[in-house]
């Protein structure tokens, strides 16, 4: 469970970074 939460958190951070670099 904890690993799943951590994974989703990392994915969110990565998505955020991707959006930031895209614009």
PDB file of N, CA and C in Angstrom:
ATOM      1  N   UNK A   1       0.840  -1.200   0.000  1.00  0.00           N
ATOM      2  CA  UNK A   1       0.000   0.000   0.000  1.00  0.00           C
ATOM      3  C   UNK A   1       0.880   1.257   0.000  1.00  0.00           C
ATOM      4  N   UNK A   2       1.825   1.276   0.909  1.00  0.00           N
ATOM      5  CA  UNK A   2       2.696   2.455   1.009  1.00  0.00           C
ATOM      6  C   UNK A   2       3.446   2.664  -0.301  1.00  0.00           C
ATOM      7  N   UNK A   3       3.906   1.551  -0.874  1.00  0.00           N
ATOM      8  CA  UNK A   3       4.663   1.662  -2.132  1.00  0.00           C
ATOM      9  C   UNK A   3       3.763   2.239  -3.229  1.00  0.00           C
ATOM     10  N   UNK A   4       2.501   1.839  -3.225  1.00  0.00           N
ATOM     11  CA  UNK A   4       1.576   2.342  -4.243  1.00  0.00           C
ATOM     12  C   UNK A   4       1.405   3.858  -4.099  1.00  0.00           C
ATOM     13  N   UNK A   5       1.255   4.312  -2.859  1.00  0.00           N
ATOM     14  CA  UNK A   5       1.078   5.744  -2.618  1.00  0.00           C
ATOM     15  C   UNK A   5       2.326   6.492  -3.068  1.00  0.00           C
ATOM     16  N   UNK A   6       3.471   5.930  -2.716  1.00  0.00           N
ATOM     17  CA  UNK A   6       4.726   6.590  -3.083  1.00  0.00           C
ATOM     18  C   UNK A   6       4.854   6.655  -4.603  1.00  0.00           C
ATOM     19  N   UNK A   7       4.491   5.556  -5.247  1.00  0.00           N
ATOM     20  CA  UNK A   7       4.602   5.508  -6.717  1.00  0.00           C
ATOM     21  C   UNK A   7       3.690   6.558  -7.348  1.00  0.00           C
ATOM     22  N   UNK A   8       2.462   6.652  -6.870  1.00  0.00           N
ATOM     23  CA  UNK A   8       1.529   7.631  -7.431  1.00  0.00           C
ATOM     24  C   UNK A   8       2.043   9.047  -7.182  1.00  0.00           C
ATOM     25  N   UNK A   9       2.649   9.252  -6.013  1.00  0.00           N
ATOM     26  CA  UNK A   9       3.185  10.573  -5.694  1.00  0.00           C
ATOM     27  C   UNK A   9       4.301  10.932  -6.666  1.00  0.00           C
ATOM     28  N   UNK A  10       5.188   9.985  -6.919  1.00  0.00           N
ATOM     29  CA  UNK A  10       6.299  10.241  -7.844  1.00  0.00           C
ATOM     30  C   UNK A  10       5.739  10.518  -9.236  1.00  0.00           C
ATOM     31  N   UNK A  11       4.766   9.733  -9.636  1.00  0.00           N
ATOM     32  CA  UNK A  11       4.183   9.927 -10.973  1.00  0.00           C
ATOM     33  C   UNK A  11       3.597  11.335 -11.086  1.00  0.00           C
ATOM     34  N   UNK A  12       2.963  11.786 -10.016  1.00  0.00           N
ATOM     35  CA  UNK A  12       2.374  13.123 -10.036  1.00  0.00           C
ATOM     36  C   UNK A  12       3.469  14.176 -10.196  1.00  0.00           C
ATOM     37  N   UNK A  13       4.552  13.986  -9.447  1.00  0.00           N
ATOM     38  CA  UNK A  13       5.656  14.941  -9.539  1.00  0.00           C
ATOM     39  C   UNK A  13       6.231  14.957 -10.951  1.00  0.00           C
ATOM     40  N   UNK A  14       6.392  13.773 -11.510  1.00  0.00           N
ATOM     41  CA  UNK A  14       6.941  13.684 -12.873  1.00  0.00           C
ATOM     42  C   UNK A  14       6.007  14.378 -13.858  1.00  0.00           C
ATOM     43  N   UNK A  15       4.719  14.132 -13.729  1.00  0.00           N
ATOM     44  CA  UNK A  15       3.760  14.775 -14.631  1.00  0.00           C
ATOM     45  C   UNK A  15       3.851  16.290 -14.491  1.00  0.00           C
ATOM     46  N   UNK A  16       3.950  16.761 -13.262  1.00  0.00           N
ATOM     47  CA  UNK A  16       4.058  18.196 -13.021  1.00  0.00           C
ATOM     48  C   UNK A  16       5.279  18.757 -13.736  1.00  0.00           C
ATOM     49  N   UNK A  17       6.393  18.079 -13.581  1.00  0.00           N
ATOM     50  CA  UNK A  17       7.633  18.539 -14.215  1.00  0.00           C
ATOM     51  C   UNK A  17       7.473  18.535 -15.737  1.00  0.00           C
ATOM     52  N   UNK A  18       6.858  17.495 -16.250  1.00  0.00           N
ATOM     53  CA  UNK A  18       6.668  17.402 -17.708  1.00  0.00           C
ATOM     54  C   UNK A  18       5.852  18.595 -18.202  1.00  0.00           C
ATOM     55  N   UNK A  19       4.769  18.891 -17.531  1.00  0.00           N
ATOM     56  CA  UNK A  19       3.922  20.012 -17.938  1.00  0.00           C
ATOM     57  C   UNK A  19       4.701  21.317 -17.860  1.00  0.00           C
ATOM     58  N   UNK A  20       5.504  21.449 -16.816  1.00  0.00           N
ATOM     59  CA  UNK A  20       6.260  22.681 -16.634  1.00  0.00           C
ATOM     60  C   UNK A  20       7.274  22.859 -17.763  1.00  0.00           C
ATOM     61  N   UNK A  21       7.937  21.760 -18.142  1.00  0.00           N
ATOM     62  CA  UNK A  21       8.961  21.868 -19.190  1.00  0.00           C
ATOM     63  C   UNK A  21       8.295  22.055 -20.547  1.00  0.00           C
ATOM     64  N   UNK A  22       7.120  21.511 -20.716  1.00  0.00           N
ATOM     65  CA  UNK A  22       6.441  21.611 -22.010  1.00  0.00           C
ATOM     66  C   UNK A  22       6.121  23.066 -22.318  1.00  0.00           C
ATOM     67  N   UNK A  23       5.594  23.781 -21.352  1.00  0.00           N
ATOM     68  CA  UNK A  23       5.196  25.169 -21.594  1.00  0.00           C
ATOM     69  C   UNK A  23       6.386  26.089 -21.546  1.00  0.00           C
TER      70      UNK A  23
END
